[in-house]
C-alpha atoms as a PDB file:
ATOM      1  CA  MET A   1      25.624  -1.455 -73.910  1.00  0.00           C
ATOM      2  CA  ARG A   2      24.076   2.009 -73.753  1.00  0.00           C
ATOM      3  CA  THR A   3      20.621   0.628 -73.150  1.00  0.00           C
ATOM      4  CA  LEU A   4      21.868  -1.628 -70.658  1.00  0.00           C
ATOM      5  CA  LEU A   5      23.524   0.825 -68.662  1.00  0.00           C
ATOM      6  CA  VAL A   6      20.671   3.575 -69.011  1.00  0.00           C
ATOM      7  CA  CYS A   7      18.339   0.803 -67.653  1.00  0.00           C
ATOM      8  CA  LEU A   8      20.549  -0.016 -64.645  1.00  0.00           C
ATOM      9  CA  VAL A   9      20.881   3.522 -63.937  1.00  0.00           C
ATOM     10  CA  ILE A  10      17.096   3.847 -63.937  1.00  0.00           C
ATOM     11  CA  GLN A  11      16.640   0.993 -61.748  1.00  0.00           C
ATOM     12  CA  ILE A  12      19.067   2.020 -59.151  1.00  0.00           C
ATOM     13  CA  ALA A  13      17.533   5.501 -58.934  1.00  0.00           C
ATOM     14  CA  LEU A  14      13.953   4.086 -58.602  1.00  0.00           C
ATOM     15  CA  SER A  15      15.363   1.712 -55.914  1.00  0.00           C
ATOM     16  CA  CYS A  16      16.850   4.746 -53.987  1.00  0.00           C
ATOM     17  CA  VAL A  17      13.773   7.105 -54.391  1.00  0.00           C
ATOM     18  CA  GLY A  18      10.902   4.716 -54.275  1.00  0.00           C
ATOM     19  CA  PHE A  19      11.824   2.699 -51.599  1.00  0.00           C
ATOM     20  CA  GLY A  20      13.271   2.649 -48.355  1.00  0.00           C
ATOM     21  CA  GLN A  21      14.747   0.055 -45.945  1.00  0.00           C
ATOM     22  CA  GLU A  22      13.428  -0.816 -42.661  1.00  0.00           C
ATOM     23  CA  LYS A  23      15.281  -2.998 -40.311  1.00  0.00           C
ATOM     24  CA  ILE A  24      13.366  -5.058 -37.584  1.00  0.00           C
ATOM     25  CA  ASP A  25      14.610  -7.160 -34.804  1.00  0.00           C
ATOM     26  CA  VAL A  26      13.558 -10.896 -35.149  1.00  0.00           C
ATOM     27  CA  VAL A  27      13.741 -13.251 -31.933  1.00  0.00           C
ATOM     28  CA  TYR A  28      13.630 -17.038 -32.710  1.00  0.00           C
ATOM     29  CA  LEU A  29      12.395 -18.938 -29.758  1.00  0.00           C
ATOM     30  CA  LYS A  30      13.452 -22.411 -28.520  1.00  0.00           C
ATOM     31  CA  ASN A  31       9.543 -23.253 -28.793  1.00  0.00           C
ATOM     32  CA  GLY A  32       9.508 -22.385 -32.575  1.00  0.00           C
ATOM     33  CA  ASP A  33       7.897 -18.989 -32.203  1.00  0.00           C
ATOM     34  CA  VAL A  34       9.078 -15.903 -33.601  1.00  0.00           C
ATOM     35  CA  ARG A  35       8.882 -12.249 -32.354  1.00  0.00           C
ATOM     36  CA  LYS A  36       9.344  -9.451 -34.780  1.00  0.00           C
ATOM     37  CA  GLY A  37       9.479  -6.131 -33.853  1.00  0.00           C
ATOM     38  CA  THR A  38      11.562  -3.617 -31.853  1.00  0.00           C
ATOM     39  CA  ILE A  39      13.682  -4.522 -28.946  1.00  0.00           C
ATOM     40  CA  ILE A  40      13.312  -1.879 -26.583  1.00  0.00           C
ATOM     41  CA  GLU A  41      15.202  -3.212 -23.448  1.00  0.00           C
ATOM     42  CA  ASN A  42      18.136  -5.770 -23.321  1.00  0.00           C
ATOM     43  CA  THR A  43      19.520  -7.074 -20.148  1.00  0.00           C
ATOM     44  CA  PRO A  44      22.384  -9.390 -21.145  1.00  0.00           C
ATOM     45  CA  ASN A  45      21.983 -13.102 -20.179  1.00  0.00           C
ATOM     46  CA  ASP A  46      18.593 -12.341 -18.527  1.00  0.00           C
ATOM     47  CA  TYR A  47      15.897 -11.174 -20.430  1.00  0.00           C
ATOM     48  CA  ILE A  48      14.906  -8.834 -23.477  1.00  0.00           C
ATOM     49  CA  LYS A  49      11.763  -6.694 -24.026  1.00  0.00           C
ATOM     50  CA  ILE A  50      10.444  -6.517 -27.769  1.00  0.00           C
ATOM     51  CA  GLU A  51       7.579  -4.399 -28.948  1.00  0.00           C
ATOM     52  CA  THR A  52       5.788  -5.825 -31.888  1.00  0.00           C
ATOM     53  CA  TYR A  53       3.801  -3.775 -34.595  1.00  0.00           C
ATOM     54  CA  ASP A  54       0.597  -4.124 -32.810  1.00  0.00           C
ATOM     55  CA  GLY A  55       2.048  -2.388 -29.694  1.00  0.00           C
ATOM     56  CA  SER A  56       2.293  -5.490 -27.665  1.00  0.00           C
ATOM     57  CA  ILE A  57       5.395  -5.795 -25.569  1.00  0.00           C
ATOM     58  CA  PHE A  58       6.823  -9.278 -24.745  1.00  0.00           C
ATOM     59  CA  THR A  59       9.364 -10.085 -21.835  1.00  0.00           C
ATOM     60  CA  ILE A  60      11.458 -12.829 -23.160  1.00  0.00           C
ATOM     61  CA  LYS A  61      14.146 -14.563 -20.973  1.00  0.00           C
ATOM     62  CA  TYR A  62      17.436 -15.670 -22.684  1.00  0.00           C
ATOM     63  CA  ALA A  63      17.175 -19.205 -21.744  1.00  0.00           C
ATOM     64  CA  ASP A  64      14.052 -19.209 -23.992  1.00  0.00           C
ATOM     65  CA  ILE A  65      15.688 -17.786 -27.137  1.00  0.00           C
ATOM     66  CA  GLN A  66      17.448 -19.767 -29.830  1.00  0.00           C
ATOM     67  CA  LYS A  67      18.682 -16.761 -31.721  1.00  0.00           C
ATOM     68  CA  MET A  68      18.319 -13.092 -32.461  1.00  0.00           C
ATOM     69  CA  ALA A  69      18.760 -11.489 -36.115  1.00  0.00           C
ATOM     70  CA  LYS A  70      17.989  -8.247 -38.073  1.00  0.00           C
ATOM     71  CA  GLU A  71      15.677  -8.616 -40.834  1.00  0.00           C
ATOM     72  CA  THR A  72      15.443  -5.925 -43.364  1.00  0.00           C
ATOM     73  CA  LYS A  73      12.479  -4.831 -45.446  1.00  0.00           C
ATOM     74  CA  SER A  74      11.971  -2.793 -48.373  1.00  0.00           C
ATOM     75  CA  VAL A  75       8.964  -0.352 -48.161  1.00  0.00           C
ATOM     76  CA  PRO A  76       7.819   2.236 -50.623  1.00  0.00           C
ATOM     77  CA  ALA A  77       9.124   5.691 -49.736  1.00  0.00           C
ATOM     78  CA  THR A  78       5.390   6.978 -49.739  1.00  0.00           C
ATOM     79  CA  GLN A  79       4.454   4.291 -47.470  1.00  0.00           C
ATOM     80  CA  ILE A  80       7.099   4.810 -44.862  1.00  0.00           C
ATOM     81  CA  SER A  81       5.863   8.335 -43.955  1.00  0.00           C
ATOM     82  CA  SER A  82       2.108   7.298 -43.771  1.00  0.00           C
ATOM     83  CA  VAL A  83       2.888   4.205 -41.840  1.00  0.00           C
ATOM     84  CA  SER A  84       4.684   6.184 -39.039  1.00  0.00           C
ATOM     85  CA  GLN A  85       2.226   8.833 -39.055  1.00  0.00           C
ATOM     86  CA  ASN A  86      -1.144   6.742 -39.170  1.00  0.00           C
ATOM     87  CA  THR A  87      -0.125   3.628 -37.145  1.00  0.00           C
ATOM     88  CA  PRO A  88      -1.206   4.007 -33.631  1.00  0.00           C
ATOM     89  CA  LYS A  89       1.946   3.804 -31.171  1.00  0.00           C
ATOM     90  CA  GLY A  90       2.532   3.460 -27.491  1.00  0.00           C
ATOM     91  CA  LEU A  91      -0.623   4.204 -25.426  1.00  0.00           C
ATOM     92  CA  MET A  92      -2.808   4.779 -28.404  1.00  0.00           C
ATOM     93  CA  SER A  93      -2.089   1.407 -29.957  1.00  0.00           C
ATOM     94  CA  ARG A  94      -3.906  -0.226 -26.978  1.00  0.00           C
ATOM     95  CA  THR A  95      -7.058  -1.885 -27.810  1.00  0.00           C
ATOM     96  CA  ALA A  96      -8.489  -2.355 -24.360  1.00  0.00           C
ATOM     97  CA  ASP A  97      -7.902  -1.394 -20.597  1.00  0.00           C
ATOM     98  CA  PHE A  98      -8.562  -3.323 -17.432  1.00  0.00           C
ATOM     99  CA  GLY A  99      -8.074  -1.072 -14.615  1.00  0.00           C
ATOM    100  CA  VAL A 100      -8.360  -0.739 -10.821  1.00  0.00           C
ATOM    101  CA  THR A 101      -8.596   2.714  -8.964  1.00  0.00           C
ATOM    102  CA  VAL A 102      -7.902   3.418  -5.361  1.00  0.00           C
ATOM    103  CA  ALA A 103      -9.331   6.858  -4.493  1.00  0.00           C
ATOM    104  CA  LEU A 104     -10.308   9.313  -1.592  1.00  0.00           C
ATOM    105  CA  TRP A 105     -13.889  10.264  -2.123  1.00  0.00           C
ATOM    106  CA  LEU A 106     -14.273  13.828  -0.632  1.00  0.00           C
ATOM    107  CA  GLY A 107     -16.866  15.086   1.462  1.00  0.00           C
ATOM    108  CA  GLY A 108     -19.940  16.784   0.400  1.00  0.00           C
ATOM    109  CA  LYS A 109     -23.551  17.442   0.848  1.00  0.00           C
ATOM    110  CA  VAL A 110     -26.219  14.769   1.030  1.00  0.00           C
ATOM    111  CA  ARG A 111     -29.954  15.361   0.941  1.00  0.00           C
ATOM    112  CA  ILE A 112     -32.422  13.056   2.561  1.00  0.00           C
ATOM    113  CA  VAL A 113     -35.762  14.449   1.077  1.00  0.00           C
ATOM    114  CA  ASP A 114     -38.340  13.418   3.264  1.00  0.00           C
ATOM    115  CA  TYR A 115     -36.783  14.580   6.277  1.00  0.00           C
ATOM    116  CA  ASP A 116     -35.669  17.796   4.558  1.00  0.00           C
ATOM    117  CA  ILE A 117     -32.166  17.192   5.822  1.00  0.00           C
ATOM    118  CA  LYS A 118     -28.998  18.250   4.231  1.00  0.00           C
ATOM    119  CA  THR A 119     -25.900  16.575   6.017  1.00  0.00           C
ATOM    120  CA  ASP A 120     -22.167  16.132   5.107  1.00  0.00           C
ATOM    121  CA  LYS A 121     -20.755  12.918   3.592  1.00  0.00           C
ATOM    122  CA  ASN A 122     -17.530  12.310   5.425  1.00  0.00           C
ATOM    123  CA  PRO A 123     -14.372  11.778   3.267  1.00  0.00           C
ATOM    124  CA  GLY A 124     -13.929   8.034   2.747  1.00  0.00           C
ATOM    125  CA  PHE A 125     -12.304   5.365   0.591  1.00  0.00           C
ATOM    126  CA  LEU A 126     -13.383   4.480  -2.854  1.00  0.00           C
ATOM    127  CA  LEU A 127     -12.453   1.448  -5.107  1.00  0.00           C
ATOM    128  CA  ARG A 128     -13.263   1.309  -8.641  1.00  0.00           C
ATOM    129  CA  ALA A 129     -12.812  -1.395 -11.423  1.00  0.00           C
ATOM    130  CA  PHE A 130     -13.467  -0.743 -14.943  1.00  0.00           C
ATOM    131  CA  TYR A 131     -12.966  -2.507 -18.402  1.00  0.00           C
ATOM    132  CA  ASP A 132     -12.555  -0.121 -21.638  1.00  0.00           C
ATOM    133  CA  ALA A 133     -12.861  -1.510 -25.357  1.00  0.00           C
ATOM    134  CA  TYR A 134     -11.649   0.629 -27.874  1.00  0.00           C
ATOM    135  CA  VAL A 135     -14.151   0.926 -30.892  1.00  0.00           C
ATOM    136  CA  VAL A 136     -11.730   3.192 -32.554  1.00  0.00           C
ATOM    137  CA  GLU A 137      -8.545   4.675 -31.613  1.00  0.00           C
ATOM    138  CA  LYS A 138      -9.939   7.793 -29.695  1.00  0.00           C
ATOM    139  CA  LEU A 139     -13.368   6.132 -28.238  1.00  0.00           C
ATOM    140  CA  ALA A 140     -13.837   3.342 -25.940  1.00  0.00           C
ATOM    141  CA  VAL A 141     -17.100   1.796 -24.486  1.00  0.00           C
ATOM    142  CA  GLY A 142     -16.974  -0.401 -21.365  1.00  0.00           C
ATOM    143  CA  ALA A 143     -18.161  -1.121 -17.993  1.00  0.00           C
ATOM    144  CA  TYR A 144     -17.341  -0.042 -14.326  1.00  0.00           C
ATOM    145  CA  ALA A 145     -17.983  -1.167 -10.687  1.00  0.00           C
ATOM    146  CA  ASN A 146     -17.655   0.945  -7.744  1.00  0.00           C
ATOM    147  CA  PHE A 147     -17.694   0.244  -3.939  1.00  0.00           C
ATOM    148  CA  SER A 148     -17.265   2.815  -1.134  1.00  0.00           C
ATOM    149  CA  PRO A 149     -18.267   2.614   2.623  1.00  0.00           C
ATOM    150  CA  VAL A 150     -19.809   5.920   3.714  1.00  0.00           C
ATOM    151  CA  SER A 151     -20.681   7.834   6.955  1.00  0.00           C
ATOM    152  CA  VAL A 152     -22.488  11.066   7.494  1.00  0.00           C
ATOM    153  CA  GLU A 153     -22.610  13.538  10.034  1.00  0.00           C
ATOM    154  CA  TRP A 154     -26.193  13.727  11.192  1.00  0.00           C
ATOM    155  CA  TYR A 155     -26.509  10.188  12.380  1.00  0.00           C
ATOM    156  CA  SER A 156     -24.222   7.539  13.749  1.00  0.00           C
ATOM    157  CA  THR A 157     -24.798   4.967  11.007  1.00  0.00           C
ATOM    158  CA  THR A 158     -22.794   3.526   8.376  1.00  0.00           C
ATOM    159  CA  ALA A 159     -23.532   2.563   4.744  1.00  0.00           C
ATOM    160  CA  LYS A 160     -21.866   0.729   1.872  1.00  0.00           C
ATOM    161  CA  ILE A 161     -22.579   1.757  -1.808  1.00  0.00           C
ATOM    162  CA  TYR A 162     -22.356  -0.710  -4.696  1.00  0.00           C
ATOM    163  CA  GLU A 163     -22.461   0.251  -8.124  1.00  0.00           C
ATOM    164  CA  ILE A 164     -22.305  -0.925 -11.551  1.00  0.00           C
ATOM    165  CA  GLY A 165     -22.724   0.746 -15.019  1.00  0.00           C
ATOM    166  CA  GLY A 166     -21.551   1.587 -18.236  1.00  0.00           C
ATOM    167  CA  ALA A 167     -18.909   4.069 -19.450  1.00  0.00           C
ATOM    168  CA  ILE A 168     -18.039   6.143 -22.690  1.00  0.00           C
ATOM    169  CA  LYS A 169     -14.431   7.450 -22.728  1.00  0.00           C
ATOM    170  CA  GLY A 170     -12.160   9.302 -25.260  1.00  0.00           C
ATOM    171  CA  ARG A 171      -8.454   9.020 -25.683  1.00  0.00           C
ATOM    172  CA  PHE A 172      -6.035  11.832 -26.722  1.00  0.00           C
ATOM    173  CA  PRO A 173      -2.336  11.916 -26.706  1.00  0.00           C
ATOM    174  CA  LEU A 174      -0.559  14.422 -24.460  1.00  0.00           C
ATOM    175  CA  GLY A 175       2.927  16.116 -25.803  1.00  0.00           C
ATOM    176  CA  ASP A 176       4.843  13.355 -27.439  1.00  0.00           C
ATOM    177  CA  GLY A 177       2.633  10.667 -26.746  1.00  0.00           C
ATOM    178  CA  SER A 178       4.131   9.438 -23.611  1.00  0.00           C
ATOM    179  CA  MET A 179       0.901  10.193 -21.900  1.00  0.00           C
ATOM    180  CA  VAL A 180      -2.985  10.035 -23.066  1.00  0.00           C
ATOM    181  CA  ILE A 181      -5.722  11.736 -21.332  1.00  0.00           C
ATOM    182  CA  LYS A 182      -9.109   9.650 -21.023  1.00  0.00           C
ATOM    183  CA  PRO A 183     -12.378  11.772 -20.258  1.00  0.00           C
ATOM    184  CA  GLY A 184     -15.216   9.749 -19.395  1.00  0.00           C
ATOM    185  CA  LEU A 185     -19.024   9.628 -18.493  1.00  0.00           C
ATOM    186  CA  ASN A 186     -20.430   6.865 -16.324  1.00  0.00           C
ATOM    187  CA  ILE A 187     -24.028   5.947 -15.851  1.00  0.00           C
ATOM    188  CA  GLY A 188     -25.039   3.200 -13.744  1.00  0.00           C
ATOM    189  CA  TYR A 189     -27.099   1.707 -10.853  1.00  0.00           C
ATOM    190  CA  ARG A 190     -26.401   2.464  -7.350  1.00  0.00           C
ATOM    191  CA  MET A 191     -27.365   0.433  -4.413  1.00  0.00           C
ATOM    192  CA  ILE A 192     -27.129   1.840  -0.594  1.00  0.00           C
ATOM    193  CA  SER A 193     -26.932  -0.760   2.305  1.00  0.00           C
ATOM    194  CA  SER A 194     -26.983   0.433   5.595  1.00  0.00           C
ATOM    195  CA  ASP A 195     -27.486  -0.628   9.297  1.00  0.00           C
ATOM    196  CA  TYR A 196     -30.301   2.063   9.471  1.00  0.00           C
ATOM    197  CA  TYR A 197     -33.560   0.881   7.989  1.00  0.00           C
ATOM    198  CA  ARG A 198     -34.555   4.206   6.733  1.00  0.00           C
ATOM    199  CA  ILE A 199     -31.565   4.195   4.412  1.00  0.00           C
ATOM    200  CA  ASP A 200     -31.082   0.504   3.844  1.00  0.00           C
ATOM    201  CA  LYS A 201     -31.989  -0.900   0.357  1.00  0.00           C
ATOM    202  CA  SER A 202     -31.939   2.269  -1.511  1.00  0.00           C
ATOM    203  CA  ASP A 203     -31.884   2.150  -5.198  1.00  0.00           C
ATOM    204  CA  ALA A 204     -30.245   5.046  -7.240  1.00  0.00           C
ATOM    205  CA  MET A 205     -29.192   6.310 -10.614  1.00  0.00           C
ATOM    206  CA  ALA A 206     -25.491   6.925 -10.561  1.00  0.00           C
ATOM    207  CA  LEU A 207     -24.173   9.731 -12.749  1.00  0.00           C
ATOM    208  CA  ASN A 208     -20.466  10.172 -12.750  1.00  0.00           C
ATOM    209  CA  ALA A 209     -17.525  11.700 -14.824  1.00  0.00           C
ATOM    210  CA  SER A 210     -13.995  10.912 -14.667  1.00  0.00           C
ATOM    211  CA  ILE A 211     -10.489  11.979 -16.319  1.00  0.00           C
ATOM    212  CA  GLU A 212      -7.759   9.706 -16.442  1.00  0.00           C
ATOM    213  CA  ILE A 213      -4.144  10.729 -17.335  1.00  0.00           C
ATOM    214  CA  GLN A 214      -2.227   7.349 -18.266  1.00  0.00           C
ATOM    215  CA  PHE A 215       1.605   7.347 -18.396  1.00  0.00           C
ATOM    216  CA  ASN A 216       3.540   5.014 -20.822  1.00  0.00           C
ATOM    217  CA  THR A 217       5.987   2.871 -19.074  1.00  0.00           C
ATOM    218  CA  LYS A 218       6.545   0.657 -22.343  1.00  0.00           C
ATOM    219  CA  ASN A 219       5.156  -2.144 -19.957  1.00  0.00           C
ATOM    220  CA  ILE A 220       2.042  -4.261 -19.789  1.00  0.00           C
ATOM    221  CA  PHE A 221       1.324  -2.303 -16.626  1.00  0.00           C
ATOM    222  CA  VAL A 222      -0.010   1.308 -17.199  1.00  0.00           C
ATOM    223  CA  PRO A 223      -0.008   3.659 -14.127  1.00  0.00           C
ATOM    224  CA  PHE A 224      -2.584   6.573 -14.298  1.00  0.00           C
ATOM    225  CA  PHE A 225      -3.828   9.394 -12.186  1.00  0.00           C
ATOM    226  CA  GLU A 226      -7.625   9.731 -11.982  1.00  0.00           C
ATOM    227  CA  ILE A 227     -10.069  12.609 -10.862  1.00  0.00           C
ATOM    228  CA  GLY A 228     -13.868  12.607 -11.019  1.00  0.00           C
ATOM    229  CA  PHE A 229     -17.064  12.915  -9.296  1.00  0.00           C
ATOM    230  CA  LEU A 230     -19.823  10.774  -8.380  1.00  0.00           C
ATOM    231  CA  ALA A 231     -23.417  12.125  -8.241  1.00  0.00           C
ATOM    232  CA  GLN A 232     -26.950  10.931  -7.527  1.00  0.00           C
ATOM    233  CA  PRO A 233     -29.740  12.866  -9.138  1.00  0.00           C
ATOM    234  CA  VAL A 234     -32.353  10.482  -8.226  1.00  0.00           C
ATOM    235  CA  GLY A 235     -32.727   7.469  -5.467  1.00  0.00           C
ATOM    236  CA  GLY A 236     -34.156   6.359  -2.269  1.00  0.00           C
ATOM    237  CA  ASN A 237     -36.198   3.324  -0.898  1.00  0.00           C
ATOM    238  CA  ASP A 238     -39.969   3.166   0.685  1.00  0.00           C
ATOM    239  CA  TYR A 239     -38.945   5.590   3.439  1.00  0.00           C
ATOM    240  CA  THR A 240     -37.244   8.389   1.788  1.00  0.00           C
ATOM    241  CA  ASN A 241     -35.362   9.746  -1.128  1.00  0.00           C
ATOM    242  CA  ILE A 242     -31.658  10.478  -1.139  1.00  0.00           C
ATOM    243  CA  THR A 243     -29.764  12.695  -3.539  1.00  0.00           C
ATOM    244  CA  PHE A 244     -26.650  14.389  -3.840  1.00  0.00           C
ATOM    245  CA  PRO A 245     -24.702  16.707  -6.132  1.00  0.00           C
ATOM    246  CA  PRO A 246     -21.278  16.051  -7.710  1.00  0.00           C
ATOM    247  CA  ILE A 247     -18.770  14.949  -5.248  1.00  0.00           C
ATOM    248  CA  ILE A 248     -15.120  14.851  -6.321  1.00  0.00           C
ATOM    249  CA  TYR A 249     -12.748  12.164  -5.801  1.00  0.00           C
ATOM    250  CA  LEU A 250      -9.205  11.777  -6.260  1.00  0.00           C
ATOM    251  CA  GLY A 251      -7.135   8.709  -6.721  1.00  0.00           C
ATOM    252  CA  GLY A 252      -4.645   6.495  -8.782  1.00  0.00           C
ATOM    253  CA  GLY A 253      -4.369   3.102 -10.361  1.00  0.00           C
ATOM    254  CA  VAL A 254      -2.984   0.885 -12.856  1.00  0.00           C
ATOM    255  CA  ALA A 255      -4.459  -0.558 -16.290  1.00  0.00           C
ATOM    256  CA  PHE A 256      -3.642  -3.931 -17.739  1.00  0.00           C
END
């Protein structure tokens, strides 16, 4: 009897010390699917939002739910802290970003080399689209495309800039992790189309930098603020060379 009692006490102690219990939400759908995670939003008789362990967020209508339950998992105590500390959460758990930025590209100096002209580019609209794939939690590689209509002060002509290229970006949490900052370097090919033949069909190297600050909304849509610059160290056509130093842009957008 004493031996049995000692074994029972030891077993209970090991259960209390060595293991913890974690409760998760389980949603059973009428189509047979099951979603496990944490319900982060519940609008009775309308919909729920559940965040799964991979950071995905699903919006589920009550009409599609068969039942909801709680499930208890026994997890070694040593793993509970390591999982909570090492598993990426929120924005840091995203594996890819597809984003669109609408920005104001500020004015700046443009040099037309063969004419030895330095003129001002007028402020204008800039549209950016990008795709970033995270190779590790804090580093992404991707591609981007830019478009901007451009006008300059020295000549009554207009031009359009089309640009594609590659990007490398970091990703670091800010504060409690509700925001992340993404500094990036972009290198690409830029083409200038214009109604003035001495500028038209110019090819150039694009050298750009950007900083995005993303905000966690616990939704598939991630709003962000972006600041950066576009530069053109080399470029031109058969008639002239066109270059310009970094010219800043300010904008905002949304990532999916």
